[in-house]
Amino acid sequence: MQYINRLLFEEAIEESGEKVKLHGHYSGRAMFGERCLAVYGSITNLLAFHLYLGASLGDWRDLAEDVRIDQFGTDYIAYYPGWELAEDDD
């Protein structure tokens, strides 16, 4: 399991105009019931979210390699199998 700082993740949501919503326990395609961290919104807002998050993280290659995107009703969902939110940097 890999972790990302909760405050950093929530700050990226705020910076995207809060048009991206957190879905903390999403089970995506071929996950066989496993749950993971996810965010959903329009494709434009997800892009803004990821640009801010990437700039804040510095080295965000691991997260970028793991992200998957699917349609979610009229929006899209970006989910990160194997990732969870952490309360601090530990």
N, C-alpha and C. Protein backbone atom coordinates (compact mmCIF):
# COMPACT_ATOMS: atom_id res chain seq x y z
N MET A 1 0.84 -1.18 0.00
CA MET A 1 0.00 0.00 0.00
C MET A 1 0.89 1.24 0.00
N GLN A 2 0.51 2.23 -0.80
CA GLN A 2 1.22 3.50 -0.83
C GLN A 2 0.30 4.58 -0.28
N TYR A 3 0.90 5.64 0.23
CA TYR A 3 0.12 6.69 0.89
C TYR A 3 0.43 8.06 0.32
N ILE A 4 -0.60 8.91 0.33
CA ILE A 4 -0.45 10.30 -0.05
C ILE A 4 -1.03 11.15 1.07
N ASN A 5 -0.39 12.27 1.34
CA ASN A 5 -0.79 13.13 2.43
C ASN A 5 -2.20 13.68 2.22
N ARG A 6 -3.08 13.50 3.20
CA ARG A 6 -4.47 13.93 3.10
C ARG A 6 -4.59 15.43 2.86
N LEU A 7 -3.81 16.23 3.62
CA LEU A 7 -3.91 17.69 3.48
C LEU A 7 -3.51 18.15 2.08
N LEU A 8 -2.47 17.56 1.52
CA LEU A 8 -2.03 17.89 0.18
C LEU A 8 -3.10 17.53 -0.85
N PHE A 9 -3.70 16.38 -0.68
CA PHE A 9 -4.75 15.91 -1.59
C PHE A 9 -5.96 16.84 -1.51
N GLU A 10 -6.37 17.21 -0.29
CA GLU A 10 -7.51 18.10 -0.11
C GLU A 10 -7.22 19.50 -0.62
N GLU A 11 -5.97 19.94 -0.50
CA GLU A 11 -5.58 21.25 -1.04
C GLU A 11 -5.70 21.25 -2.56
N ALA A 12 -5.33 20.16 -3.20
CA ALA A 12 -5.46 20.06 -4.66
C ALA A 12 -6.93 20.10 -5.07
N ILE A 13 -7.81 19.52 -4.26
CA ILE A 13 -9.25 19.58 -4.53
C ILE A 13 -9.71 21.04 -4.44
N GLU A 14 -9.29 21.74 -3.40
CA GLU A 14 -9.67 23.15 -3.23
C GLU A 14 -9.15 24.00 -4.39
N GLU A 15 -7.91 23.77 -4.80
CA GLU A 15 -7.32 24.55 -5.88
C GLU A 15 -7.99 24.29 -7.23
N SER A 16 -8.65 23.16 -7.38
CA SER A 16 -9.38 22.87 -8.62
C SER A 16 -10.77 23.48 -8.58
N GLY A 17 -11.02 24.36 -7.61
CA GLY A 17 -12.31 25.03 -7.50
C GLY A 17 -13.35 24.18 -6.79
N GLU A 18 -12.90 23.15 -6.09
CA GLU A 18 -13.77 22.20 -5.38
C GLU A 18 -14.80 21.58 -6.30
N LYS A 19 -14.45 21.51 -7.59
CA LYS A 19 -15.34 20.87 -8.56
C LYS A 19 -14.99 19.39 -8.72
N VAL A 20 -13.94 18.97 -8.05
CA VAL A 20 -13.54 17.57 -8.00
C VAL A 20 -13.92 17.07 -6.61
N LYS A 21 -14.54 15.92 -6.55
CA LYS A 21 -15.00 15.37 -5.28
C LYS A 21 -14.21 14.10 -4.93
N LEU A 22 -13.96 13.93 -3.65
CA LEU A 22 -13.24 12.75 -3.15
C LEU A 22 -14.20 11.58 -3.02
N HIS A 23 -13.76 10.43 -3.48
CA HIS A 23 -14.49 9.17 -3.30
C HIS A 23 -13.47 8.24 -2.65
N GLY A 24 -13.56 8.08 -1.34
CA GLY A 24 -12.51 7.42 -0.58
C GLY A 24 -12.40 5.92 -0.70
N HIS A 25 -13.46 5.26 -1.18
CA HIS A 25 -13.43 3.79 -1.20
C HIS A 25 -14.03 3.26 -2.49
N TYR A 26 -13.43 3.60 -3.60
CA TYR A 26 -13.94 3.20 -4.91
C TYR A 26 -13.38 1.83 -5.31
N SER A 27 -14.21 1.04 -5.96
CA SER A 27 -13.77 -0.25 -6.49
C SER A 27 -13.95 -0.21 -8.00
N GLY A 28 -12.84 -0.10 -8.71
CA GLY A 28 -12.88 0.06 -10.16
C GLY A 28 -12.82 -1.25 -10.91
N ARG A 29 -12.71 -1.11 -12.22
CA ARG A 29 -12.65 -2.28 -13.10
C ARG A 29 -11.49 -3.20 -12.73
N ALA A 30 -11.77 -4.48 -12.75
CA ALA A 30 -10.78 -5.53 -12.50
C ALA A 30 -10.10 -5.40 -11.14
N MET A 31 -10.79 -4.78 -10.17
CA MET A 31 -10.23 -4.66 -8.83
C MET A 31 -10.78 -5.74 -7.90
N PHE A 32 -11.77 -6.49 -8.37
CA PHE A 32 -12.29 -7.64 -7.65
C PHE A 32 -12.67 -7.33 -6.20
N GLY A 33 -13.36 -6.20 -6.01
CA GLY A 33 -13.83 -5.84 -4.68
C GLY A 33 -12.85 -5.03 -3.84
N GLU A 34 -11.60 -4.93 -4.27
CA GLU A 34 -10.64 -4.09 -3.56
C GLU A 34 -11.10 -2.64 -3.67
N ARG A 35 -10.80 -1.85 -2.67
CA ARG A 35 -11.21 -0.44 -2.66
C ARG A 35 -9.96 0.45 -2.65
N CYS A 36 -10.12 1.65 -3.21
CA CYS A 36 -8.98 2.57 -3.26
C CYS A 36 -9.45 4.02 -3.26
N LEU A 37 -8.51 4.91 -3.19
CA LEU A 37 -8.72 6.34 -3.24
C LEU A 37 -9.13 6.75 -4.65
N ALA A 38 -10.07 7.70 -4.75
CA ALA A 38 -10.51 8.18 -6.06
C ALA A 38 -11.04 9.60 -5.95
N VAL A 39 -11.04 10.31 -7.07
CA VAL A 39 -11.69 11.61 -7.20
C VAL A 39 -12.50 11.59 -8.48
N TYR A 40 -13.58 12.38 -8.49
CA TYR A 40 -14.40 12.43 -9.70
C TYR A 40 -14.84 13.85 -10.00
N GLY A 41 -15.12 14.09 -11.28
CA GLY A 41 -15.55 15.40 -11.77
C GLY A 41 -15.43 15.41 -13.29
N SER A 42 -15.54 16.59 -13.87
CA SER A 42 -15.38 16.69 -15.33
C SER A 42 -13.93 16.40 -15.68
N ILE A 43 -13.69 16.05 -16.92
CA ILE A 43 -12.32 15.74 -17.34
C ILE A 43 -11.43 16.97 -17.21
N THR A 44 -11.98 18.16 -17.46
CA THR A 44 -11.22 19.40 -17.33
C THR A 44 -10.83 19.65 -15.87
N ASN A 45 -11.76 19.44 -14.96
CA ASN A 45 -11.47 19.65 -13.54
C ASN A 45 -10.52 18.59 -13.01
N LEU A 46 -10.62 17.36 -13.50
CA LEU A 46 -9.66 16.33 -13.09
C LEU A 46 -8.25 16.69 -13.56
N LEU A 47 -8.15 17.26 -14.76
CA LEU A 47 -6.84 17.68 -15.26
C LEU A 47 -6.26 18.78 -14.37
N ALA A 48 -7.08 19.78 -14.03
CA ALA A 48 -6.61 20.86 -13.15
C ALA A 48 -6.17 20.30 -11.80
N PHE A 49 -6.93 19.37 -11.26
CA PHE A 49 -6.59 18.72 -9.99
C PHE A 49 -5.24 18.03 -10.08
N HIS A 50 -5.03 17.25 -11.14
CA HIS A 50 -3.78 16.49 -11.28
C HIS A 50 -2.58 17.39 -11.54
N LEU A 51 -2.78 18.49 -12.27
CA LEU A 51 -1.68 19.42 -12.49
C LEU A 51 -1.25 20.06 -11.18
N TYR A 52 -2.21 20.47 -10.37
CA TYR A 52 -1.86 21.07 -9.08
C TYR A 52 -1.21 20.03 -8.17
N LEU A 53 -1.78 18.84 -8.11
CA LEU A 53 -1.24 17.79 -7.25
C LEU A 53 0.18 17.43 -7.68
N GLY A 54 0.40 17.29 -8.97
CA GLY A 54 1.74 16.97 -9.47
C GLY A 54 2.76 18.03 -9.13
N ALA A 55 2.37 19.30 -9.26
CA ALA A 55 3.27 20.40 -8.93
C ALA A 55 3.58 20.41 -7.44
N SER A 56 2.61 20.05 -6.62
CA SER A 56 2.80 20.04 -5.16
C SER A 56 3.65 18.88 -4.69
N LEU A 57 3.52 17.75 -5.35
CA LEU A 57 4.26 16.55 -4.94
C LEU A 57 5.72 16.59 -5.36
N GLY A 58 6.01 17.27 -6.45
CA GLY A 58 7.38 17.23 -6.97
C GLY A 58 7.56 15.95 -7.77
N ASP A 59 7.91 14.87 -7.11
CA ASP A 59 8.06 13.57 -7.78
C ASP A 59 6.76 12.79 -7.62
N TRP A 60 5.96 12.80 -8.66
CA TRP A 60 4.66 12.15 -8.59
C TRP A 60 4.51 11.04 -9.62
N ARG A 61 5.65 10.53 -10.09
CA ARG A 61 5.61 9.49 -11.12
C ARG A 61 4.90 8.23 -10.67
N ASP A 62 5.10 7.79 -9.42
CA ASP A 62 4.44 6.58 -8.95
C ASP A 62 2.92 6.72 -9.00
N LEU A 63 2.43 7.87 -8.54
CA LEU A 63 0.99 8.12 -8.55
C LEU A 63 0.48 8.19 -9.99
N ALA A 64 1.21 8.87 -10.87
CA ALA A 64 0.80 9.01 -12.27
C ALA A 64 0.78 7.65 -12.98
N GLU A 65 1.69 6.77 -12.65
CA GLU A 65 1.72 5.44 -13.27
C GLU A 65 0.56 4.58 -12.83
N ASP A 66 0.04 4.82 -11.62
CA ASP A 66 -1.03 3.99 -11.07
C ASP A 66 -2.43 4.48 -11.37
N VAL A 67 -2.60 5.73 -11.78
CA VAL A 67 -3.94 6.29 -11.97
C VAL A 67 -4.66 5.59 -13.12
N ARG A 68 -5.95 5.36 -12.91
CA ARG A 68 -6.82 4.83 -13.95
C ARG A 68 -8.02 5.77 -14.05
N ILE A 69 -8.57 5.92 -15.24
CA ILE A 69 -9.70 6.82 -15.44
C ILE A 69 -10.82 6.08 -16.15
N ASP A 70 -12.04 6.23 -15.63
CA ASP A 70 -13.25 5.65 -16.22
C ASP A 70 -14.35 6.69 -16.23
N GLN A 71 -15.38 6.42 -17.01
CA GLN A 71 -16.56 7.26 -16.95
C GLN A 71 -17.30 6.97 -15.66
N PHE A 72 -17.95 7.99 -15.13
CA PHE A 72 -18.64 7.91 -13.84
C PHE A 72 -19.92 8.73 -14.00
N GLY A 73 -20.96 8.11 -14.55
CA GLY A 73 -22.18 8.86 -14.88
C GLY A 73 -21.85 9.83 -16.00
N THR A 74 -22.13 11.12 -15.79
CA THR A 74 -21.81 12.12 -16.81
C THR A 74 -20.41 12.69 -16.62
N ASP A 75 -19.73 12.29 -15.55
CA ASP A 75 -18.38 12.75 -15.25
C ASP A 75 -17.36 11.64 -15.48
N TYR A 76 -16.17 11.85 -14.96
CA TYR A 76 -15.10 10.85 -15.00
C TYR A 76 -14.59 10.63 -13.59
N ILE A 77 -14.02 9.47 -13.37
CA ILE A 77 -13.42 9.16 -12.07
C ILE A 77 -11.97 8.75 -12.30
N ALA A 78 -11.09 9.34 -11.51
CA ALA A 78 -9.68 8.96 -11.52
C ALA A 78 -9.44 8.20 -10.22
N TYR A 79 -8.98 6.97 -10.34
CA TYR A 79 -8.77 6.17 -9.14
C TYR A 79 -7.37 5.57 -9.13
N TYR A 80 -6.91 5.29 -7.91
CA TYR A 80 -5.51 4.95 -7.66
C TYR A 80 -5.43 3.63 -6.90
N PRO A 81 -5.48 2.51 -7.60
CA PRO A 81 -5.37 1.22 -6.91
C PRO A 81 -4.07 1.14 -6.10
N GLY A 82 -4.20 0.69 -4.86
CA GLY A 82 -3.03 0.54 -4.00
C GLY A 82 -2.67 1.80 -3.23
N TRP A 83 -3.47 2.87 -3.35
CA TRP A 83 -3.17 4.13 -2.67
C TRP A 83 -4.24 4.44 -1.63
N GLU A 84 -3.80 5.04 -0.52
CA GLU A 84 -4.70 5.50 0.52
C GLU A 84 -4.22 6.86 1.03
N LEU A 85 -5.10 7.57 1.69
CA LEU A 85 -4.73 8.86 2.29
C LEU A 85 -4.05 8.63 3.63
N ALA A 86 -3.02 9.40 3.90
CA ALA A 86 -2.33 9.37 5.19
C ALA A 86 -2.55 10.72 5.88
N GLU A 87 -2.58 10.71 7.19
CA GLU A 87 -2.81 11.94 7.94
C GLU A 87 -1.59 12.86 7.96
N ASP A 88 -0.40 12.29 7.77
CA ASP A 88 0.82 13.10 7.74
C ASP A 88 1.81 12.46 6.77
N ASP A 89 3.03 12.95 6.74
CA ASP A 89 4.03 12.47 5.78
C ASP A 89 4.71 11.16 6.17
N ASP A 90 4.35 10.60 7.30
CA ASP A 90 5.02 9.36 7.75
C ASP A 90 4.75 8.19 6.84
